[in-house]
Amino acid sequence: MRIIGGRLKGLRINPPNNLPVRPTTDLAKEALFNILNNLLDFEGLKVLDLFSGTGNISLEFASRQAEKVVAVDRAAQCIFYLKEMATKHKLPEITTFKADVFKFLEMETEQYDLIFADPPYDLDKIPQLPNAVFTHDLLVAGGLLIVEHPSYQNLNNQSNFSEKRVYGNTAFSFFKNPALKSIEK
């Protein structure tokens, strides 16, 4: 894994082997950030990274000057690793929470410009993620929710679905808060 853009571009991420994760591949991450690069301005973004795992996505957003990146994962060793990386690379914009994602979503009151969720592919609650985000009004007007999931799974029947992009066995489903303000360029 590596950071593909921003001030940490090229940095290799070598998390410990014992982390309970399935990181987003460099190919899929590069495709995702190419899409996002054409949609929005990273500088000043408030990002929520759900099921953050290694922190690969959080680090990428912080590298690209997001104003705030909140990472949530229930695995203590993942949170510890991301905190360590954020300190080592001077990324104070990253804040971590060790929590169950669905419980975090119920209690969170802050709104974000972009929410990225990369749940375990075998999680049966993946289709509930968009509803949890929109029910709790966690996106700013025009904000984006991106859910990474297995390519065979369809989330297009969920509210606010916008599009699905497939990269091998990985898919990204995009959901947009249909309010007036937009974070797009």
N, C-alpha and C. Protein backbone atom coordinates (compact mmCIF):
# COMPACT_ATOMS: atom_id res chain seq x y z
N MET A 1 0.84 -1.18 0.00
CA MET A 1 0.00 0.00 0.00
C MET A 1 0.88 1.24 0.00
N ARG A 2 0.36 2.27 -0.66
CA ARG A 2 1.11 3.52 -0.70
C ARG A 2 0.13 4.69 -0.77
N ILE A 3 0.61 5.87 -0.40
CA ILE A 3 -0.16 7.10 -0.55
C ILE A 3 0.05 7.55 -2.00
N ILE A 4 -1.04 7.86 -2.70
CA ILE A 4 -0.93 8.14 -4.14
C ILE A 4 -0.99 9.62 -4.50
N GLY A 5 -1.27 10.49 -3.50
CA GLY A 5 -1.32 11.92 -3.81
C GLY A 5 -1.07 12.78 -2.59
N GLY A 6 -0.86 14.07 -2.85
CA GLY A 6 -0.67 15.01 -1.76
C GLY A 6 0.75 15.06 -1.24
N ARG A 7 0.90 15.64 -0.06
CA ARG A 7 2.25 15.87 0.47
C ARG A 7 2.98 14.59 0.87
N LEU A 8 2.25 13.50 1.11
CA LEU A 8 2.89 12.22 1.45
C LEU A 8 2.95 11.25 0.26
N LYS A 9 2.72 11.77 -0.93
CA LYS A 9 2.71 10.93 -2.13
C LYS A 9 3.92 10.02 -2.18
N GLY A 10 3.68 8.73 -2.43
CA GLY A 10 4.75 7.76 -2.54
C GLY A 10 5.07 7.04 -1.24
N LEU A 11 4.56 7.54 -0.12
CA LEU A 11 4.83 6.91 1.17
C LEU A 11 4.26 5.49 1.18
N ARG A 12 5.09 4.53 1.52
CA ARG A 12 4.64 3.14 1.65
C ARG A 12 4.06 2.93 3.04
N ILE A 13 2.92 2.28 3.08
CA ILE A 13 2.26 1.95 4.35
C ILE A 13 2.46 0.47 4.57
N ASN A 14 3.11 0.12 5.67
CA ASN A 14 3.40 -1.28 5.98
C ASN A 14 2.83 -1.63 7.35
N PRO A 15 1.51 -1.84 7.41
CA PRO A 15 0.92 -2.16 8.71
C PRO A 15 1.33 -3.55 9.19
N PRO A 16 1.23 -3.78 10.50
CA PRO A 16 1.54 -5.11 11.02
C PRO A 16 0.63 -6.16 10.39
N ASN A 17 1.13 -7.37 10.27
CA ASN A 17 0.36 -8.46 9.65
C ASN A 17 -0.84 -8.91 10.47
N ASN A 18 -0.86 -8.57 11.76
CA ASN A 18 -1.93 -9.08 12.61
C ASN A 18 -3.18 -8.20 12.63
N LEU A 19 -3.24 -7.15 11.80
CA LEU A 19 -4.43 -6.32 11.77
C LEU A 19 -5.57 -7.06 11.06
N PRO A 20 -6.78 -7.00 11.63
CA PRO A 20 -7.93 -7.70 11.03
C PRO A 20 -8.55 -6.87 9.90
N VAL A 21 -7.85 -6.79 8.77
CA VAL A 21 -8.27 -5.89 7.70
C VAL A 21 -8.20 -6.54 6.32
N ARG A 22 -8.89 -5.90 5.38
CA ARG A 22 -8.80 -6.18 3.96
C ARG A 22 -8.67 -4.80 3.30
N PRO A 23 -7.44 -4.28 3.19
CA PRO A 23 -7.27 -2.91 2.70
C PRO A 23 -7.75 -2.73 1.26
N THR A 24 -8.20 -1.52 0.98
CA THR A 24 -8.54 -1.14 -0.39
C THR A 24 -7.26 -1.26 -1.22
N THR A 25 -7.34 -1.93 -2.35
CA THR A 25 -6.16 -2.10 -3.19
C THR A 25 -5.70 -0.76 -3.76
N ASP A 26 -4.42 -0.68 -4.08
CA ASP A 26 -3.90 0.56 -4.69
C ASP A 26 -4.63 0.88 -5.98
N LEU A 27 -4.94 -0.14 -6.78
CA LEU A 27 -5.64 0.07 -8.05
C LEU A 27 -7.01 0.70 -7.81
N ALA A 28 -7.79 0.11 -6.90
CA ALA A 28 -9.13 0.64 -6.61
C ALA A 28 -9.04 2.03 -5.98
N LYS A 29 -8.09 2.21 -5.06
CA LYS A 29 -7.94 3.51 -4.40
C LYS A 29 -7.55 4.58 -5.41
N GLU A 30 -6.65 4.26 -6.31
CA GLU A 30 -6.24 5.23 -7.33
C GLU A 30 -7.42 5.61 -8.22
N ALA A 31 -8.22 4.63 -8.61
CA ALA A 31 -9.41 4.91 -9.42
C ALA A 31 -10.39 5.80 -8.66
N LEU A 32 -10.62 5.48 -7.38
CA LEU A 32 -11.53 6.27 -6.56
C LEU A 32 -11.04 7.72 -6.45
N PHE A 33 -9.77 7.91 -6.15
CA PHE A 33 -9.27 9.27 -5.97
C PHE A 33 -9.19 10.03 -7.30
N ASN A 34 -9.07 9.34 -8.42
CA ASN A 34 -9.17 10.02 -9.72
C ASN A 34 -10.58 10.57 -9.92
N ILE A 35 -11.58 9.79 -9.53
CA ILE A 35 -12.98 10.24 -9.61
C ILE A 35 -13.17 11.46 -8.69
N LEU A 36 -12.72 11.31 -7.44
CA LEU A 36 -12.91 12.38 -6.46
C LEU A 36 -12.16 13.65 -6.85
N ASN A 37 -10.99 13.48 -7.44
CA ASN A 37 -10.20 14.63 -7.88
C ASN A 37 -10.96 15.48 -8.88
N ASN A 38 -11.80 14.85 -9.69
CA ASN A 38 -12.60 15.57 -10.68
C ASN A 38 -13.90 16.11 -10.10
N LEU A 39 -14.29 15.64 -8.93
CA LEU A 39 -15.56 16.05 -8.33
C LEU A 39 -15.43 17.15 -7.29
N LEU A 40 -14.34 17.14 -6.53
CA LEU A 40 -14.29 18.06 -5.40
C LEU A 40 -12.89 18.54 -5.10
N ASP A 41 -12.84 19.55 -4.25
CA ASP A 41 -11.58 20.12 -3.80
C ASP A 41 -11.29 19.51 -2.43
N PHE A 42 -10.17 18.83 -2.26
CA PHE A 42 -9.85 18.15 -1.01
C PHE A 42 -9.55 19.12 0.13
N GLU A 43 -8.94 20.25 -0.21
CA GLU A 43 -8.54 21.19 0.82
C GLU A 43 -9.77 21.70 1.57
N GLY A 44 -9.74 21.53 2.89
CA GLY A 44 -10.85 22.00 3.72
C GLY A 44 -11.97 21.00 3.94
N LEU A 45 -11.88 19.81 3.33
CA LEU A 45 -12.92 18.80 3.49
C LEU A 45 -12.96 18.25 4.92
N LYS A 46 -14.17 17.93 5.36
CA LYS A 46 -14.35 17.18 6.60
C LYS A 46 -14.79 15.78 6.20
N VAL A 47 -13.96 14.79 6.57
CA VAL A 47 -14.13 13.42 6.11
C VAL A 47 -14.35 12.48 7.31
N LEU A 48 -15.29 11.56 7.14
CA LEU A 48 -15.50 10.49 8.11
C LEU A 48 -15.15 9.18 7.44
N ASP A 49 -14.19 8.46 7.99
CA ASP A 49 -13.72 7.19 7.44
C ASP A 49 -14.21 6.07 8.35
N LEU A 50 -15.21 5.33 7.89
CA LEU A 50 -15.81 4.26 8.69
C LEU A 50 -15.17 2.92 8.35
N PHE A 51 -14.96 2.08 9.35
CA PHE A 51 -14.23 0.81 9.18
C PHE A 51 -12.84 1.15 8.64
N SER A 52 -12.15 2.05 9.31
CA SER A 52 -10.92 2.64 8.77
C SER A 52 -9.76 1.66 8.63
N GLY A 53 -9.77 0.57 9.39
CA GLY A 53 -8.72 -0.44 9.23
C GLY A 53 -7.32 0.13 9.37
N THR A 54 -6.49 -0.04 8.35
CA THR A 54 -5.10 0.43 8.38
C THR A 54 -4.99 1.96 8.38
N GLY A 55 -6.08 2.63 8.03
CA GLY A 55 -6.03 4.08 7.91
C GLY A 55 -5.58 4.55 6.54
N ASN A 56 -5.47 3.64 5.62
CA ASN A 56 -5.05 3.91 4.25
C ASN A 56 -5.82 5.10 3.65
N ILE A 57 -7.14 5.09 3.76
CA ILE A 57 -7.98 6.14 3.19
C ILE A 57 -7.85 7.43 4.00
N SER A 58 -7.85 7.32 5.32
CA SER A 58 -7.67 8.50 6.18
C SER A 58 -6.36 9.21 5.86
N LEU A 59 -5.30 8.43 5.74
CA LEU A 59 -3.98 9.01 5.44
C LEU A 59 -3.98 9.69 4.07
N GLU A 60 -4.67 9.09 3.12
CA GLU A 60 -4.75 9.67 1.77
C GLU A 60 -5.46 11.03 1.81
N PHE A 61 -6.58 11.11 2.51
CA PHE A 61 -7.29 12.39 2.61
C PHE A 61 -6.46 13.43 3.35
N ALA A 62 -5.81 13.03 4.43
CA ALA A 62 -4.98 13.97 5.20
C ALA A 62 -3.81 14.46 4.34
N SER A 63 -3.22 13.57 3.56
CA SER A 63 -2.12 13.92 2.68
C SER A 63 -2.55 14.98 1.66
N ARG A 64 -3.84 14.94 1.30
CA ARG A 64 -4.37 15.87 0.29
C ARG A 64 -5.01 17.11 0.92
N GLN A 65 -4.68 17.38 2.18
CA GLN A 65 -5.06 18.60 2.89
C GLN A 65 -6.53 18.67 3.30
N ALA A 66 -7.15 17.52 3.58
CA ALA A 66 -8.48 17.58 4.18
C ALA A 66 -8.33 18.29 5.52
N GLU A 67 -9.33 19.07 5.89
CA GLU A 67 -9.26 19.85 7.13
C GLU A 67 -9.38 18.95 8.36
N LYS A 68 -10.25 17.95 8.25
CA LYS A 68 -10.52 17.07 9.38
C LYS A 68 -10.83 15.68 8.85
N VAL A 69 -10.22 14.67 9.45
CA VAL A 69 -10.47 13.28 9.09
C VAL A 69 -10.74 12.52 10.38
N VAL A 70 -11.95 11.99 10.50
CA VAL A 70 -12.33 11.20 11.66
C VAL A 70 -12.37 9.75 11.23
N ALA A 71 -11.57 8.91 11.88
CA ALA A 71 -11.48 7.49 11.53
C ALA A 71 -12.10 6.65 12.64
N VAL A 72 -12.96 5.72 12.25
CA VAL A 72 -13.66 4.88 13.23
C VAL A 72 -13.43 3.41 12.87
N ASP A 73 -13.00 2.64 13.87
CA ASP A 73 -12.84 1.20 13.70
C ASP A 73 -12.99 0.56 15.07
N ARG A 74 -13.47 -0.66 15.11
CA ARG A 74 -13.65 -1.31 16.41
C ARG A 74 -12.41 -2.07 16.87
N ALA A 75 -11.43 -2.24 15.98
CA ALA A 75 -10.21 -2.97 16.33
C ALA A 75 -9.19 -2.01 16.94
N ALA A 76 -8.86 -2.26 18.21
CA ALA A 76 -7.92 -1.39 18.92
C ALA A 76 -6.57 -1.31 18.21
N GLN A 77 -6.09 -2.43 17.67
CA GLN A 77 -4.78 -2.42 17.02
C GLN A 77 -4.79 -1.57 15.75
N CYS A 78 -5.93 -1.48 15.06
CA CYS A 78 -6.03 -0.60 13.88
C CYS A 78 -5.97 0.86 14.31
N ILE A 79 -6.73 1.20 15.34
CA ILE A 79 -6.74 2.57 15.85
C ILE A 79 -5.34 2.96 16.33
N PHE A 80 -4.69 2.07 17.06
CA PHE A 80 -3.33 2.34 17.55
C PHE A 80 -2.38 2.59 16.38
N TYR A 81 -2.45 1.76 15.34
CA TYR A 81 -1.56 1.91 14.19
C TYR A 81 -1.80 3.25 13.49
N LEU A 82 -3.07 3.61 13.28
CA LEU A 82 -3.36 4.87 12.60
C LEU A 82 -2.91 6.07 13.43
N LYS A 83 -3.14 6.02 14.74
CA LYS A 83 -2.67 7.11 15.61
C LYS A 83 -1.15 7.26 15.50
N GLU A 84 -0.46 6.13 15.50
CA GLU A 84 1.00 6.12 15.38
C GLU A 84 1.45 6.74 14.06
N MET A 85 0.78 6.38 12.97
CA MET A 85 1.12 6.93 11.64
C MET A 85 0.83 8.43 11.58
N ALA A 86 -0.30 8.84 12.14
CA ALA A 86 -0.66 10.27 12.13
C ALA A 86 0.36 11.09 12.91
N THR A 87 0.81 10.57 14.03
CA THR A 87 1.82 11.27 14.83
C THR A 87 3.15 11.31 14.09
N LYS A 88 3.57 10.17 13.57
CA LYS A 88 4.85 10.08 12.87
C LYS A 88 4.94 11.02 11.67
N HIS A 89 3.81 11.19 10.94
CA HIS A 89 3.82 11.99 9.72
C HIS A 89 3.20 13.37 9.92
N LYS A 90 3.03 13.75 11.20
CA LYS A 90 2.53 15.09 11.55
C LYS A 90 1.21 15.40 10.86
N LEU A 91 0.19 14.59 11.17
CA LEU A 91 -1.14 14.75 10.60
C LEU A 91 -2.16 14.97 11.73
N PRO A 92 -2.15 16.16 12.33
CA PRO A 92 -3.05 16.42 13.45
C PRO A 92 -4.52 16.46 13.05
N GLU A 93 -4.80 16.53 11.76
CA GLU A 93 -6.18 16.56 11.30
C GLU A 93 -6.88 15.20 11.43
N ILE A 94 -6.11 14.15 11.71
CA ILE A 94 -6.70 12.81 11.89
C ILE A 94 -7.05 12.59 13.35
N THR A 95 -8.31 12.24 13.59
CA THR A 95 -8.80 11.87 14.92
C THR A 95 -9.34 10.46 14.82
N THR A 96 -9.07 9.64 15.81
CA THR A 96 -9.51 8.24 15.76
C THR A 96 -10.51 7.94 16.88
N PHE A 97 -11.41 7.00 16.59
CA PHE A 97 -12.36 6.49 17.59
C PHE A 97 -12.41 4.98 17.50
N LYS A 98 -12.21 4.33 18.63
CA LYS A 98 -12.41 2.89 18.70
C LYS A 98 -13.87 2.70 19.06
N ALA A 99 -14.66 2.24 18.08
CA ALA A 99 -16.09 2.10 18.29
C ALA A 99 -16.71 1.21 17.23
N ASP A 100 -17.85 0.64 17.57
CA ASP A 100 -18.69 -0.03 16.59
C ASP A 100 -19.25 1.06 15.67
N VAL A 101 -19.11 0.91 14.37
CA VAL A 101 -19.50 1.94 13.42
C VAL A 101 -20.98 2.31 13.55
N PHE A 102 -21.86 1.33 13.65
CA PHE A 102 -23.29 1.62 13.70
C PHE A 102 -23.67 2.36 14.99
N LYS A 103 -23.02 2.04 16.09
CA LYS A 103 -23.27 2.77 17.34
C LYS A 103 -22.71 4.19 17.23
N PHE A 104 -21.55 4.33 16.61
CA PHE A 104 -20.96 5.65 16.40
C PHE A 104 -21.92 6.52 15.57
N LEU A 105 -22.47 5.95 14.49
CA LEU A 105 -23.37 6.71 13.63
C LEU A 105 -24.63 7.17 14.38
N GLU A 106 -25.11 6.35 15.29
CA GLU A 106 -26.29 6.72 16.08
C GLU A 106 -26.01 7.90 17.00
N MET A 107 -24.78 8.01 17.48
CA MET A 107 -24.44 9.04 18.47
C MET A 107 -23.81 10.29 17.86
N GLU A 108 -23.27 10.18 16.65
CA GLU A 108 -22.57 11.31 16.03
C GLU A 108 -23.56 12.42 15.68
N THR A 109 -23.13 13.66 15.91
CA THR A 109 -23.98 14.82 15.60
C THR A 109 -23.33 15.74 14.57
N GLU A 110 -22.05 15.58 14.32
CA GLU A 110 -21.34 16.42 13.36
C GLU A 110 -21.70 16.01 11.94
N GLN A 111 -21.66 16.98 11.03
CA GLN A 111 -21.88 16.68 9.62
C GLN A 111 -20.54 16.71 8.88
N TYR A 112 -20.47 15.91 7.82
CA TYR A 112 -19.24 15.76 7.04
C TYR A 112 -19.51 16.06 5.57
N ASP A 113 -18.45 16.47 4.87
CA ASP A 113 -18.54 16.69 3.43
C ASP A 113 -18.52 15.36 2.69
N LEU A 114 -17.75 14.41 3.23
CA LEU A 114 -17.60 13.11 2.59
C LEU A 114 -17.49 12.03 3.66
N ILE A 115 -18.24 10.96 3.46
CA ILE A 115 -18.14 9.80 4.35
C ILE A 115 -17.75 8.62 3.48
N PHE A 116 -16.69 7.94 3.90
CA PHE A 116 -16.23 6.74 3.19
C PHE A 116 -16.38 5.56 4.14
N ALA A 117 -17.01 4.49 3.65
CA ALA A 117 -17.19 3.28 4.46
C ALA A 117 -16.63 2.09 3.72
N ASP A 118 -15.74 1.36 4.37
CA ASP A 118 -15.13 0.16 3.80
C ASP A 118 -15.34 -1.00 4.78
N PRO A 119 -16.58 -1.47 4.89
CA PRO A 119 -16.88 -2.54 5.84
C PRO A 119 -16.32 -3.88 5.39
N PRO A 120 -16.21 -4.83 6.33
CA PRO A 120 -15.85 -6.19 5.90
C PRO A 120 -16.86 -6.67 4.86
N TYR A 121 -16.38 -7.31 3.81
CA TYR A 121 -17.27 -7.72 2.73
C TYR A 121 -18.34 -8.72 3.18
N ASP A 122 -18.08 -9.44 4.26
CA ASP A 122 -19.07 -10.42 4.73
C ASP A 122 -20.06 -9.82 5.75
N LEU A 123 -19.98 -8.53 5.98
CA LEU A 123 -20.90 -7.86 6.91
C LEU A 123 -22.29 -7.80 6.30
N ASP A 124 -23.27 -8.41 6.96
CA ASP A 124 -24.62 -8.43 6.39
C ASP A 124 -25.34 -7.09 6.51
N LYS A 125 -24.77 -6.15 7.26
CA LYS A 125 -25.40 -4.85 7.45
C LYS A 125 -24.93 -3.78 6.45
N ILE A 126 -24.17 -4.15 5.44
CA ILE A 126 -23.68 -3.18 4.46
C ILE A 126 -24.84 -2.36 3.88
N PRO A 127 -25.95 -2.98 3.46
CA PRO A 127 -27.05 -2.18 2.90
C PRO A 127 -27.67 -1.19 3.88
N GLN A 128 -27.42 -1.34 5.17
CA GLN A 128 -27.98 -0.43 6.17
C GLN A 128 -27.14 0.85 6.33
N LEU A 129 -25.93 0.87 5.80
CA LEU A 129 -25.05 2.03 5.97
C LEU A 129 -25.65 3.32 5.41
N PRO A 130 -26.12 3.34 4.15
CA PRO A 130 -26.69 4.61 3.65
C PRO A 130 -27.84 5.12 4.51
N ASN A 131 -28.72 4.23 4.91
CA ASN A 131 -29.85 4.63 5.73
C ASN A 131 -29.37 5.22 7.06
N ALA A 132 -28.38 4.60 7.68
CA ALA A 132 -27.85 5.09 8.96
C ALA A 132 -27.26 6.49 8.79
N VAL A 133 -26.54 6.73 7.71
CA VAL A 133 -25.93 8.04 7.47
C VAL A 133 -27.00 9.10 7.22
N PHE A 134 -27.97 8.79 6.36
CA PHE A 134 -28.98 9.79 6.00
C PHE A 134 -30.02 10.00 7.10
N THR A 135 -30.36 8.95 7.84
CA THR A 135 -31.30 9.09 8.95
C THR A 135 -30.76 10.02 10.02
N HIS A 136 -29.46 9.94 10.26
CA HIS A 136 -28.85 10.78 11.29
C HIS A 136 -28.30 12.10 10.75
N ASP A 137 -28.58 12.38 9.46
CA ASP A 137 -28.23 13.66 8.83
C ASP A 137 -26.75 14.00 9.02
N LEU A 138 -25.89 13.06 8.64
CA LEU A 138 -24.45 13.21 8.87
C LEU A 138 -23.68 13.82 7.70
N LEU A 139 -24.37 14.08 6.59
CA LEU A 139 -23.71 14.71 5.44
C LEU A 139 -24.20 16.14 5.29
N VAL A 140 -23.28 17.04 4.95
CA VAL A 140 -23.68 18.40 4.62
C VAL A 140 -24.50 18.37 3.33
N ALA A 141 -25.17 19.46 3.05
CA ALA A 141 -25.91 19.58 1.80
C ALA A 141 -24.96 19.35 0.63
N GLY A 142 -25.30 18.44 -0.26
CA GLY A 142 -24.46 18.12 -1.40
C GLY A 142 -23.32 17.17 -1.10
N GLY A 143 -23.23 16.69 0.16
CA GLY A 143 -22.15 15.79 0.56
C GLY A 143 -22.26 14.41 -0.06
N LEU A 144 -21.15 13.67 -0.02
CA LEU A 144 -21.07 12.34 -0.62
C LEU A 144 -20.84 11.25 0.42
N LEU A 145 -21.53 10.13 0.23
CA LEU A 145 -21.25 8.89 0.95
C LEU A 145 -20.75 7.91 -0.09
N ILE A 146 -19.62 7.26 0.20
CA ILE A 146 -19.08 6.23 -0.69
C ILE A 146 -18.94 4.96 0.13
N VAL A 147 -19.57 3.89 -0.36
CA VAL A 147 -19.49 2.60 0.32
C VAL A 147 -18.73 1.64 -0.57
N GLU A 148 -17.64 1.09 -0.04
CA GLU A 148 -16.89 0.05 -0.76
C GLU A 148 -17.51 -1.29 -0.39
N HIS A 149 -17.71 -2.14 -1.39
CA HIS A 149 -18.36 -3.43 -1.15
C HIS A 149 -18.00 -4.40 -2.27
N PRO A 150 -18.36 -5.69 -2.11
CA PRO A 150 -18.06 -6.65 -3.17
C PRO A 150 -18.79 -6.26 -4.46
N SER A 151 -18.16 -6.47 -5.59
CA SER A 151 -18.74 -6.05 -6.88
C SER A 151 -20.06 -6.73 -7.21
N TYR A 152 -20.29 -7.93 -6.68
CA TYR A 152 -21.54 -8.64 -6.98
C TYR A 152 -22.74 -8.05 -6.22
N GLN A 153 -22.47 -7.24 -5.21
CA GLN A 153 -23.55 -6.68 -4.38
C GLN A 153 -24.07 -5.39 -5.00
N ASN A 154 -25.40 -5.22 -4.95
CA ASN A 154 -26.01 -4.00 -5.47
C ASN A 154 -26.65 -3.21 -4.34
N LEU A 155 -26.33 -1.93 -4.29
CA LEU A 155 -26.93 -1.03 -3.31
C LEU A 155 -27.77 0.03 -4.00
N ASN A 156 -28.04 -0.17 -5.28
CA ASN A 156 -28.73 0.85 -6.06
C ASN A 156 -30.21 1.05 -5.69
N ASN A 157 -30.75 0.20 -4.82
CA ASN A 157 -32.13 0.39 -4.38
C ASN A 157 -32.20 1.22 -3.11
N GLN A 158 -31.05 1.70 -2.63
CA GLN A 158 -31.00 2.52 -1.42
C GLN A 158 -31.26 3.99 -1.76
N SER A 159 -31.81 4.71 -0.79
CA SER A 159 -32.08 6.14 -0.97
C SER A 159 -30.81 6.90 -1.31
N ASN A 160 -30.95 7.87 -2.17
CA ASN A 160 -29.88 8.79 -2.55
C ASN A 160 -28.74 8.13 -3.34
N PHE A 161 -28.98 6.92 -3.85
CA PHE A 161 -27.96 6.25 -4.68
C PHE A 161 -27.71 7.08 -5.92
N SER A 162 -26.43 7.20 -6.29
CA SER A 162 -26.06 7.99 -7.45
C SER A 162 -25.46 7.11 -8.56
N GLU A 163 -24.42 6.33 -8.20
CA GLU A 163 -23.79 5.45 -9.19
C GLU A 163 -22.94 4.40 -8.52
N LYS A 164 -22.57 3.38 -9.30
CA LYS A 164 -21.71 2.29 -8.83
C LYS A 164 -20.56 2.17 -9.82
N ARG A 165 -19.35 2.08 -9.29
CA ARG A 165 -18.16 1.86 -10.10
C ARG A 165 -17.52 0.55 -9.66
N VAL A 166 -17.15 -0.29 -10.62
CA VAL A 166 -16.60 -1.61 -10.32
C VAL A 166 -15.15 -1.69 -10.79
N TYR A 167 -14.30 -2.24 -9.89
CA TYR A 167 -12.89 -2.45 -10.18
C TYR A 167 -12.54 -3.86 -9.72
N GLY A 168 -12.63 -4.82 -10.61
CA GLY A 168 -12.39 -6.22 -10.26
C GLY A 168 -13.45 -6.71 -9.29
N ASN A 169 -13.02 -7.20 -8.15
CA ASN A 169 -13.96 -7.71 -7.13
C ASN A 169 -14.48 -6.61 -6.21
N THR A 170 -13.99 -5.39 -6.42
CA THR A 170 -14.36 -4.26 -5.56
C THR A 170 -15.30 -3.32 -6.29
N ALA A 171 -16.27 -2.80 -5.55
CA ALA A 171 -17.17 -1.78 -6.11
C ALA A 171 -17.27 -0.63 -5.13
N PHE A 172 -17.51 0.55 -5.67
CA PHE A 172 -17.80 1.74 -4.88
C PHE A 172 -19.19 2.21 -5.27
N SER A 173 -20.08 2.30 -4.30
CA SER A 173 -21.39 2.88 -4.55
C SER A 173 -21.39 4.29 -3.97
N PHE A 174 -21.85 5.23 -4.78
CA PHE A 174 -21.88 6.64 -4.40
C PHE A 174 -23.31 7.05 -4.08
N PHE A 175 -23.44 7.81 -3.00
CA PHE A 175 -24.73 8.34 -2.57
C PHE A 175 -24.53 9.83 -2.34
N LYS A 176 -25.50 10.62 -2.77
CA LYS A 176 -25.35 12.08 -2.64
C LYS A 176 -26.50 12.66 -1.84
N ASN A 177 -26.14 13.51 -0.89
CA ASN A 177 -27.16 14.22 -0.13
C ASN A 177 -27.82 15.21 -1.10
N PRO A 178 -29.12 15.08 -1.33
CA PRO A 178 -29.78 15.86 -2.39
C PRO A 178 -30.10 17.30 -2.03
N ALA A 179 -29.42 17.86 -1.07
CA ALA A 179 -29.71 19.23 -0.67
C ALA A 179 -29.11 20.24 -1.64
N LEU A 180 -29.36 21.50 -1.39
CA LEU A 180 -28.99 22.56 -2.33
C LEU A 180 -27.50 22.80 -2.49
N LYS A 181 -26.78 22.96 -1.38
CA LYS A 181 -25.35 23.26 -1.44
C LYS A 181 -24.58 22.07 -2.00
N SER A 182 -23.54 22.32 -2.71
CA SER A 182 -22.73 21.24 -3.27
C SER A 182 -21.26 21.46 -2.91
N ILE A 183 -20.55 20.36 -2.67
CA ILE A 183 -19.11 20.45 -2.39
C ILE A 183 -18.30 20.27 -3.67
N GLU A 184 -18.99 20.08 -4.79
CA GLU A 184 -18.28 19.84 -6.05
C GLU A 184 -17.54 21.08 -6.49
N LYS A 185 -16.52 20.86 -7.31
CA LYS A 185 -15.71 21.96 -7.85
C LYS A 185 -16.58 22.87 -8.68
